[in-house]
Amino acid sequence: MRTTAPFLLGAIAAVFSLAACGKKYDPEPIGPYSFCVTLSDCDAGSVCLQNLCVDPTTALTETCLITGASCPDLPGPTIDLASGVDLQEGDAALQGNHLLVVRAILGVDLYAHLFDVSAPIAPTDTLGGVSIVGVRAEPDRPRVSCTGFGFGMVWTDSILGDRSVWFGRLTSEGVPVTSDVLVARHGQEADVVWAGGDFGVAYTNPPGSVDPGIWFTRVDGVGFLLLDEPILVADRINGGAAYPAIAHDGQDTYAIAWNEGPSVRFALVNVDGTVMFDDEVGNGATGVRAVQVVYNGDGWGVMWRSTSGPTMRTLMPSGIPAFAESSIGTFVGEVEEHRLAWMGDRYWAAWADPTLAPGAITLTSVGLDGQVIDSTSVNGGGVSASPPHFFGADELAGVVFSVTTRPGETDPDDLVYATATCN
């Protein structure tokens, strides 16, 4: 998110609630930052934030998410990032010039690639597929969120038998700095958002499993749970995947959106875990992994896949719909996952489109009222594309995806591409 003076004040205020919790674990080096328990542990000019001594004039002014930027209607060039990288399950986030791409290989591990995109024409891979968690058993669906001085990540894993939710933290250099933290003994389909002082995590369990429902909890920057117990946001009535998405308003409210059968549901949860709103905001949802939610500066945007294609709706801060739901594209066929971002004056949506040329990703800009401003396709030169993953900051934004075949190659590697939309 763009760091502003109110955010900085909120971050410093968070120090006083976090400074006393440091004696639960042994101090550890965290890249360029020092471990702190109290304010007096930090040198002059630094604050104790998330148990790190942080210089707010540098670390907290980095931009991390796609917000506040006015973007051209058409994307920039497609860039070859790396070969041999399959992004079927993964995520991407940008901090400063560092683009972190995290991917999962089921039954193997979670891997991170860190790219220096200060020169987008020839991005440099500085990690090259580094394992970032401990011994795993079927890790899947990693999700990352930028803090301004590193990244937080959640994923699910069956290493304990049933699938469970885990958390880890990485420096801005992509180096793990915590042991894997168990967030929920039972949980699937997790998502994470940085809230300026801690992380919000949403996950689900389907009917018939242990603890069925949509769940919410908060994790501090080190990995310790801030709520005594996870909050049951909503019961699960229908089976199947729900894949909840989570967003934050920059103050004290989290939004969670998910599909409950054909219904799209939306809930608001405050910092103490109280559910303030829960209602249906759309219908006709199909498929899985398709619901997205973002904060637009004065409300929420929710996107899902209906029977005819991607659909979205803008909600007021209270969760009440501000406009009617609207179609922002038309296609048939399976599309596993959409992406949605707010760019300061419009939404950007992305999805792999099976009706266009093989390997195509559709990028669509949408107004606050849900009306399409412009739409274009990006073709990475292959014959298939994975679900897209947005990254961005004030002056650079894009979408990361992979292609599995390139024309003329008999045994091609999978490739990761980035397409800049803000230059």
Protein backbone atom coordinates (compact mmCIF):
# COMPACT_ATOMS: atom_id res chain seq x y z
CA MET A 1 0.00 0.00 0.00
CA ARG A 2 1.20 3.56 -0.47
CA THR A 3 2.72 4.77 2.77
CA THR A 4 1.20 8.00 4.00
CA ALA A 5 1.59 10.08 7.10
CA PRO A 6 -1.57 8.61 8.72
CA PHE A 7 -0.22 5.13 8.07
CA LEU A 8 3.09 6.04 9.63
CA LEU A 9 1.39 7.43 12.71
CA GLY A 10 -0.69 4.28 12.97
CA ALA A 11 2.40 2.14 12.59
CA ILE A 12 4.21 4.02 15.36
CA ALA A 13 1.12 3.77 17.56
CA ALA A 14 1.17 0.01 17.03
CA VAL A 15 4.58 -0.07 18.72
CA PHE A 16 3.11 0.35 22.17
CA SER A 17 0.80 -2.64 21.82
CA LEU A 18 3.53 -4.87 20.41
CA ALA A 19 6.63 -3.92 22.34
CA ALA A 20 5.79 -6.04 25.35
CA CYS A 21 5.36 -9.35 23.53
CA GLY A 22 8.94 -10.02 22.55
CA LYS A 23 10.01 -12.39 25.34
CA LYS A 24 8.09 -15.34 23.94
CA TYR A 25 10.93 -16.36 21.64
CA ASP A 26 14.65 -15.96 21.08
CA PRO A 27 15.91 -12.85 19.27
CA GLU A 28 16.88 -13.38 15.65
CA PRO A 29 18.62 -11.28 12.99
CA ILE A 30 16.19 -9.97 10.37
CA GLY A 31 18.15 -8.71 7.39
CA PRO A 32 19.10 -5.06 7.97
CA TYR A 33 16.82 -4.79 11.00
CA SER A 34 17.50 -5.51 14.67
CA PHE A 35 15.29 -7.42 17.07
CA CYS A 36 13.64 -5.26 19.74
CA VAL A 37 11.52 -5.87 22.82
CA THR A 38 11.07 -2.29 24.01
CA LEU A 39 11.45 1.11 22.41
CA SER A 40 14.75 1.64 24.22
CA ASP A 41 16.27 -1.30 22.32
CA CYS A 42 16.32 0.75 19.11
CA ASP A 43 18.82 3.39 18.12
CA ALA A 44 17.74 7.01 17.91
CA GLY A 45 15.49 7.63 14.93
CA SER A 46 14.13 4.07 14.83
CA VAL A 47 10.93 2.63 16.25
CA CYS A 48 10.13 -0.85 17.52
CA LEU A 49 7.58 -2.07 14.99
CA GLN A 50 6.57 -5.72 14.80
CA ASN A 51 9.57 -6.42 17.08
CA LEU A 52 11.92 -4.94 14.49
CA CYS A 53 13.90 -1.72 14.89
CA VAL A 54 12.69 0.17 11.82
CA ASP A 55 13.74 3.55 10.45
CA PRO A 56 10.38 5.00 9.35
CA THR A 57 12.00 7.56 7.03
CA THR A 58 13.25 4.77 4.77
CA ALA A 59 11.64 1.38 5.37
CA LEU A 60 8.08 2.65 5.72
CA THR A 61 8.09 4.85 2.64
CA GLU A 62 8.41 1.98 0.19
CA THR A 63 5.36 1.24 -1.91
CA CYS A 64 4.08 -2.31 -1.92
CA LEU A 65 0.73 -2.73 -3.62
CA ILE A 66 -1.12 -1.50 -6.66
CA THR A 67 -2.82 1.63 -5.29
CA GLY A 68 -2.92 5.28 -6.11
CA ALA A 69 -1.50 5.08 -9.62
CA SER A 70 -3.22 6.31 -12.77
CA CYS A 71 -2.34 3.85 -15.50
CA PRO A 72 -2.49 3.93 -19.28
CA ASP A 73 -5.25 1.95 -20.91
CA LEU A 74 -2.90 -0.48 -22.64
CA PRO A 75 -0.18 -2.67 -21.14
CA GLY A 76 3.49 -2.37 -21.83
CA PRO A 77 5.78 -5.05 -23.26
CA THR A 78 5.76 -8.70 -22.25
CA ILE A 79 9.00 -9.66 -20.52
CA ASP A 80 10.63 -13.06 -20.20
CA LEU A 81 11.51 -13.53 -16.54
CA ALA A 82 12.77 -17.09 -16.21
CA SER A 83 12.55 -20.55 -17.72
CA GLY A 84 11.64 -23.71 -15.87
CA VAL A 85 9.15 -21.99 -13.60
CA ASP A 86 5.61 -23.29 -13.32
CA LEU A 87 3.26 -20.75 -11.75
CA GLN A 88 0.12 -22.86 -11.66
CA GLU A 89 0.02 -22.34 -7.89
CA GLY A 90 1.67 -19.14 -6.75
CA ASP A 91 1.58 -15.43 -6.08
CA ALA A 92 3.61 -12.29 -6.69
CA ALA A 93 4.26 -9.04 -4.81
CA LEU A 94 6.44 -6.01 -5.46
CA GLN A 95 8.42 -4.01 -2.89
CA GLY A 96 10.56 -1.23 -4.25
CA ASN A 97 12.45 -2.83 -7.14
CA HIS A 98 12.10 -6.36 -5.81
CA LEU A 99 9.48 -8.58 -7.43
CA LEU A 100 8.92 -11.71 -5.33
CA VAL A 101 7.30 -14.65 -7.12
CA VAL A 102 6.37 -17.60 -4.90
CA ARG A 103 5.29 -20.95 -6.33
CA ALA A 104 4.26 -24.31 -4.95
CA ILE A 105 5.19 -27.74 -6.24
CA LEU A 106 2.74 -30.18 -4.72
CA GLY A 107 4.43 -32.84 -2.67
CA VAL A 108 7.76 -31.04 -2.83
CA ASP A 109 8.18 -27.53 -1.49
CA LEU A 110 7.55 -23.81 -1.81
CA TYR A 111 10.04 -21.89 -3.92
CA ALA A 112 10.73 -18.17 -4.30
CA HIS A 113 12.18 -16.21 -7.19
CA LEU A 114 13.26 -12.63 -6.53
CA PHE A 115 13.66 -10.32 -9.54
CA ASP A 116 15.27 -6.91 -9.69
CA VAL A 117 12.90 -5.01 -11.95
CA SER A 118 14.59 -1.62 -11.69
CA ALA A 119 15.50 -2.25 -15.33
CA PRO A 120 12.39 -4.04 -16.65
CA ILE A 121 13.94 -4.67 -20.08
CA ALA A 122 16.32 -7.21 -18.52
CA PRO A 123 15.10 -8.19 -15.03
CA THR A 124 17.65 -10.02 -12.91
CA ASP A 125 16.73 -13.20 -11.02
CA THR A 126 18.56 -12.89 -7.69
CA LEU A 127 17.22 -16.03 -6.01
CA GLY A 128 16.70 -18.52 -8.81
CA GLY A 129 14.20 -20.85 -7.18
CA VAL A 130 15.16 -20.94 -3.49
CA SER A 131 13.28 -23.18 -1.07
CA ILE A 132 11.65 -20.94 1.55
CA VAL A 133 9.98 -23.31 4.00
CA GLY A 134 10.95 -26.40 5.95
CA VAL A 135 10.13 -30.02 5.11
CA ARG A 136 6.72 -30.02 3.47
CA ALA A 137 4.01 -32.45 2.48
CA GLU A 138 1.85 -31.17 -0.37
CA PRO A 139 2.12 -27.40 0.18
CA ASP A 140 -0.27 -25.40 -1.97
CA ARG A 141 -1.65 -21.96 -2.80
CA PRO A 142 0.97 -19.63 -1.27
CA ARG A 143 -0.21 -16.05 -0.86
CA VAL A 144 2.16 -13.16 -0.14
CA SER A 145 1.63 -9.62 1.14
CA CYS A 146 4.17 -6.79 1.30
CA THR A 147 4.87 -4.95 4.57
CA GLY A 148 7.29 -2.24 3.42
CA PHE A 149 10.20 -4.03 5.06
CA GLY A 150 9.61 -7.57 3.86
CA PHE A 151 6.85 -10.02 3.01
CA GLY A 152 4.39 -12.17 4.91
CA MET A 153 3.17 -15.42 3.42
CA VAL A 154 0.49 -18.00 4.15
CA TRP A 155 -0.03 -21.41 2.60
CA THR A 156 -1.72 -24.70 3.46
CA ASP A 157 -0.08 -28.07 3.93
CA SER A 158 -0.99 -31.63 4.90
CA ILE A 159 2.18 -32.29 6.89
CA LEU A 160 0.09 -32.74 10.07
CA GLY A 161 -2.36 -35.11 8.39
CA ASP A 162 -5.33 -32.88 7.69
CA ARG A 163 -4.66 -29.73 5.72
CA SER A 164 -3.57 -26.84 7.96
CA VAL A 165 -2.70 -23.14 7.58
CA TRP A 166 0.87 -21.88 7.99
CA PHE A 167 2.57 -18.48 8.11
CA GLY A 168 6.12 -17.35 7.33
CA ARG A 169 7.97 -14.08 6.97
CA LEU A 170 10.62 -13.14 4.41
CA THR A 171 12.92 -10.15 4.21
CA SER A 172 12.81 -7.81 1.24
CA GLU A 173 15.65 -9.94 -0.12
CA GLY A 174 13.42 -13.05 -0.08
CA VAL A 175 15.20 -14.68 2.88
CA PRO A 176 13.03 -16.59 5.41
CA VAL A 177 13.43 -15.21 8.93
CA THR A 178 10.99 -17.31 10.95
CA SER A 179 10.31 -20.96 11.43
CA ASP A 180 7.06 -22.06 9.85
CA VAL A 181 4.26 -20.86 12.14
CA LEU A 182 1.09 -22.94 12.53
CA VAL A 183 -1.88 -20.57 12.22
CA ALA A 184 -4.70 -23.12 12.17
CA ARG A 185 -4.55 -26.87 12.80
CA HIS A 186 -7.43 -27.32 10.37
CA GLY A 187 -7.81 -24.99 7.42
CA GLN A 188 -7.78 -24.70 3.64
CA GLU A 189 -7.64 -22.06 0.90
CA ALA A 190 -5.94 -19.34 2.96
CA ASP A 191 -5.35 -15.69 2.01
CA VAL A 192 -3.37 -12.92 3.74
CA VAL A 193 -3.27 -9.11 3.81
CA TRP A 194 -0.89 -6.70 5.56
CA ALA A 195 -2.88 -4.21 7.65
CA GLY A 196 -0.12 -1.76 8.51
CA GLY A 197 0.64 -3.26 11.92
CA ASP A 198 -0.14 -6.94 11.55
CA PHE A 199 -1.51 -9.49 9.09
CA GLY A 200 -5.10 -10.55 8.57
CA VAL A 201 -5.61 -14.17 7.53
CA ALA A 202 -8.78 -15.76 6.14
CA TYR A 203 -9.27 -19.45 5.50
CA THR A 204 -12.05 -22.00 5.20
CA ASN A 205 -13.10 -25.55 5.87
CA PRO A 206 -15.83 -27.25 3.84
CA PRO A 207 -18.93 -28.84 5.30
CA GLY A 208 -18.24 -32.29 6.69
CA SER A 209 -14.68 -31.41 7.72
CA VAL A 210 -13.32 -30.34 11.09
CA ASP A 211 -14.43 -26.80 12.02
CA PRO A 212 -16.47 -26.08 8.86
CA GLY A 213 -16.87 -22.39 8.06
CA ILE A 214 -15.11 -19.22 6.97
CA TRP A 215 -12.49 -18.26 9.57
CA PHE A 216 -10.47 -15.13 10.38
CA THR A 217 -7.48 -14.45 12.60
CA ARG A 218 -4.66 -11.91 12.98
CA VAL A 219 -0.94 -12.59 13.08
CA ASP A 220 1.74 -10.14 14.21
CA GLY A 221 4.79 -9.43 12.09
CA VAL A 222 6.78 -12.19 13.78
CA GLY A 223 4.09 -14.85 13.48
CA PHE A 224 2.35 -14.91 16.84
CA LEU A 225 -1.44 -14.98 16.84
CA LEU A 226 -3.04 -11.78 18.12
CA LEU A 227 -6.47 -13.32 18.75
CA ASP A 228 -6.93 -15.95 21.46
CA GLU A 229 -9.14 -17.98 19.13
CA PRO A 230 -9.91 -17.73 15.41
CA ILE A 231 -13.19 -16.01 14.57
CA LEU A 232 -15.96 -17.91 12.81
CA VAL A 233 -17.07 -15.38 10.20
CA ALA A 234 -19.78 -17.56 8.65
CA ASP A 235 -20.96 -21.16 8.68
CA ARG A 236 -20.42 -23.21 5.54
CA ILE A 237 -23.73 -24.50 4.19
CA ASN A 238 -22.79 -25.74 0.74
CA GLY A 239 -19.88 -28.00 -0.12
CA GLY A 240 -17.10 -27.31 -2.55
CA ALA A 241 -14.26 -24.81 -2.51
CA ALA A 242 -14.91 -21.28 -1.27
CA TYR A 243 -11.43 -19.71 -1.59
CA PRO A 244 -12.01 -16.63 0.57
CA ALA A 245 -10.15 -13.45 -0.31
CA ILE A 246 -9.24 -10.79 2.26
CA ALA A 247 -8.62 -7.02 2.06
CA HIS A 248 -8.07 -4.17 4.52
CA ASP A 249 -9.19 -0.53 4.56
CA GLY A 250 -5.98 0.88 6.02
CA GLN A 251 -7.65 1.60 9.36
CA ASP A 252 -9.41 -1.06 11.42
CA THR A 253 -11.68 -3.08 9.12
CA TYR A 254 -11.06 -6.28 7.15
CA ALA A 255 -13.25 -7.47 4.27
CA ILE A 256 -13.64 -11.14 3.37
CA ALA A 257 -15.40 -12.38 0.23
CA TRP A 258 -16.10 -15.95 -0.85
CA ASN A 259 -18.51 -18.07 -2.85
CA GLU A 260 -21.11 -20.17 -1.05
CA GLY A 261 -22.37 -22.39 -3.84
CA PRO A 262 -23.74 -19.99 -6.49
CA SER A 263 -23.90 -17.09 -4.02
CA VAL A 264 -21.14 -14.52 -3.48
CA ARG A 265 -20.90 -13.54 0.15
CA PHE A 266 -19.14 -10.61 1.79
CA ALA A 267 -18.29 -9.94 5.44
CA LEU A 268 -16.65 -7.15 7.41
CA VAL A 269 -14.60 -7.92 10.52
CA ASN A 270 -13.00 -5.37 12.84
CA VAL A 271 -9.61 -5.71 14.54
CA ASP A 272 -10.97 -7.44 17.65
CA GLY A 273 -12.65 -10.09 15.51
CA THR A 274 -16.25 -8.83 15.68
CA VAL A 275 -18.21 -9.63 12.52
CA MET A 276 -19.99 -6.38 11.62
CA PHE A 277 -21.57 -7.39 8.30
CA ASP A 278 -22.29 -10.63 6.45
CA ASP A 279 -24.58 -10.82 3.45
CA GLU A 280 -24.95 -12.00 -0.12
CA VAL A 281 -23.65 -9.40 -2.59
CA GLY A 282 -23.93 -11.36 -5.82
CA ASN A 283 -25.11 -14.60 -7.35
CA GLY A 284 -24.43 -16.89 -10.25
CA ALA A 285 -20.89 -17.79 -9.16
CA THR A 286 -19.41 -20.86 -10.82
CA GLY A 287 -16.10 -22.64 -10.65
CA VAL A 288 -13.60 -22.22 -7.85
CA ARG A 289 -10.88 -19.79 -6.76
CA ALA A 290 -12.79 -17.03 -8.45
CA VAL A 291 -13.78 -14.48 -5.78
CA GLN A 292 -11.60 -11.39 -5.25
CA VAL A 293 -11.96 -8.33 -2.98
CA VAL A 294 -10.03 -5.03 -2.86
CA TYR A 295 -10.37 -1.72 -1.04
CA ASN A 296 -10.96 1.19 -3.43
CA GLY A 297 -10.30 4.07 -1.03
CA ASP A 298 -13.96 4.54 -0.15
CA GLY A 299 -15.53 1.10 -0.27
CA TRP A 300 -14.88 -2.33 -1.69
CA GLY A 301 -14.70 -4.02 -5.06
CA VAL A 302 -15.71 -7.68 -5.37
CA MET A 303 -15.13 -9.83 -8.47
CA TRP A 304 -16.26 -13.34 -9.28
CA ARG A 305 -16.83 -15.68 -12.19
CA SER A 306 -20.43 -16.16 -13.29
CA THR A 307 -21.78 -18.53 -15.92
CA SER A 308 -21.00 -16.02 -18.70
CA GLY A 309 -17.69 -14.64 -17.48
CA PRO A 310 -16.10 -12.27 -14.96
CA THR A 311 -18.53 -10.16 -12.95
CA MET A 312 -17.91 -7.45 -10.38
CA ARG A 313 -19.65 -5.09 -8.00
CA THR A 314 -18.68 -2.03 -5.94
CA LEU A 315 -19.81 -1.93 -2.31
CA MET A 316 -20.02 0.97 0.11
CA PRO A 317 -17.75 0.95 3.20
CA SER A 318 -20.60 -0.66 5.14
CA GLY A 319 -20.80 -3.56 2.66
CA ILE A 320 -24.10 -2.41 1.12
CA PRO A 321 -23.91 -2.53 -2.71
CA ALA A 322 -23.26 0.88 -4.28
CA PHE A 323 -23.95 -0.26 -7.85
CA ALA A 324 -25.60 -3.21 -9.55
CA GLU A 325 -23.39 -6.16 -10.42
CA SER A 326 -22.00 -5.90 -13.94
CA SER A 327 -20.34 -8.22 -16.46
CA ILE A 328 -16.82 -7.14 -17.39
CA GLY A 329 -16.13 -9.90 -19.92
CA THR A 330 -17.69 -12.81 -21.76
CA PHE A 331 -16.31 -16.32 -22.33
CA VAL A 332 -17.08 -19.97 -21.87
CA GLY A 333 -14.82 -22.62 -20.41
CA GLU A 334 -12.90 -23.05 -17.21
CA VAL A 335 -11.02 -20.13 -15.70
CA GLU A 336 -9.51 -21.13 -12.40
CA GLU A 337 -8.71 -17.80 -10.84
CA HIS A 338 -9.18 -14.08 -11.42
CA ARG A 339 -7.19 -11.15 -10.09
CA LEU A 340 -8.47 -7.71 -9.11
CA ALA A 341 -6.60 -4.54 -8.07
CA TRP A 342 -7.49 -0.92 -7.42
CA MET A 343 -5.27 1.53 -9.31
CA GLY A 344 -6.30 4.82 -7.72
CA ASP A 345 -8.94 5.83 -10.24
CA ARG A 346 -10.12 2.48 -11.60
CA TYR A 347 -10.05 -1.26 -11.09
CA TRP A 348 -7.78 -3.56 -13.06
CA ALA A 349 -8.95 -7.13 -13.56
CA ALA A 350 -7.05 -10.02 -15.12
CA TRP A 351 -7.78 -13.60 -16.06
CA ALA A 352 -6.60 -16.35 -18.38
CA ASP A 353 -9.06 -16.32 -21.26
CA PRO A 354 -9.69 -19.66 -23.03
CA THR A 355 -11.58 -18.04 -25.92
CA LEU A 356 -8.65 -15.93 -27.15
CA ALA A 357 -5.35 -16.96 -28.70
CA PRO A 358 -3.61 -19.69 -26.72
CA GLY A 359 -1.58 -18.29 -23.88
CA ALA A 360 -3.64 -15.09 -23.64
CA ILE A 361 -4.24 -13.14 -20.46
CA THR A 362 -7.01 -10.55 -20.55
CA LEU A 363 -6.43 -7.22 -18.77
CA THR A 364 -9.47 -5.03 -18.28
CA SER A 365 -9.78 -1.61 -16.64
CA VAL A 366 -13.13 -0.96 -14.97
CA GLY A 367 -14.68 2.18 -13.47
CA LEU A 368 -16.05 2.47 -9.97
CA ASP A 369 -19.53 1.80 -11.35
CA GLY A 370 -18.42 -1.51 -12.88
CA GLN A 371 -18.40 -0.27 -16.47
CA VAL A 372 -15.49 -1.42 -18.65
CA ILE A 373 -13.11 1.38 -19.65
CA ASP A 374 -10.75 -0.65 -21.81
CA SER A 375 -9.75 -4.26 -22.37
CA THR A 376 -6.80 -5.90 -24.07
CA SER A 377 -5.11 -9.28 -24.23
CA VAL A 378 -1.50 -10.20 -23.55
CA ASN A 379 -0.01 -13.23 -25.28
CA GLY A 380 3.19 -14.71 -23.90
CA GLY A 381 3.86 -16.74 -27.03
CA GLY A 382 2.72 -20.07 -25.63
CA VAL A 383 -0.32 -22.26 -25.93
CA SER A 384 -1.63 -22.10 -22.39
CA ALA A 385 -1.50 -19.69 -19.47
CA SER A 386 -1.82 -20.03 -15.72
CA PRO A 387 -4.00 -17.84 -13.51
CA PRO A 388 -2.50 -14.35 -13.40
CA HIS A 389 -0.86 -12.75 -10.38
CA PHE A 390 -0.78 -8.97 -10.03
CA PHE A 391 2.13 -7.00 -8.68
CA GLY A 392 2.66 -3.30 -8.51
CA ALA A 393 3.73 -0.01 -6.99
CA ASP A 394 3.30 3.65 -7.92
CA GLU A 395 5.32 3.57 -11.13
CA LEU A 396 5.44 -0.10 -12.08
CA ALA A 397 2.66 -2.62 -12.16
CA GLY A 398 1.95 -5.78 -14.05
CA VAL A 399 0.75 -9.33 -14.11
CA VAL A 400 2.81 -12.51 -13.77
CA PHE A 401 1.74 -15.76 -15.44
CA SER A 402 3.29 -18.80 -17.08
CA VAL A 403 3.02 -20.54 -20.43
CA THR A 404 3.58 -24.25 -20.87
CA THR A 405 4.49 -24.48 -24.54
CA ARG A 406 6.18 -22.15 -26.99
CA PRO A 407 5.73 -22.54 -30.76
CA GLY A 408 8.54 -24.47 -32.46
CA GLU A 409 9.90 -26.03 -29.26
CA THR A 410 9.64 -29.78 -28.91
CA ASP A 411 10.27 -29.98 -25.16
CA PRO A 412 9.81 -26.48 -23.81
CA ASP A 413 10.22 -25.27 -20.27
CA ASP A 414 7.46 -23.36 -18.51
CA LEU A 415 8.12 -19.62 -18.52
CA VAL A 416 7.17 -16.73 -16.25
CA TYR A 417 6.23 -13.42 -17.87
CA ALA A 418 5.59 -9.95 -16.51
CA THR A 419 3.64 -7.33 -18.41
CA ALA A 420 4.00 -3.75 -17.23
CA THR A 421 0.81 -1.70 -17.12
CA CYS A 422 2.21 1.45 -15.46
CA ASN A 423 5.43 2.97 -16.73
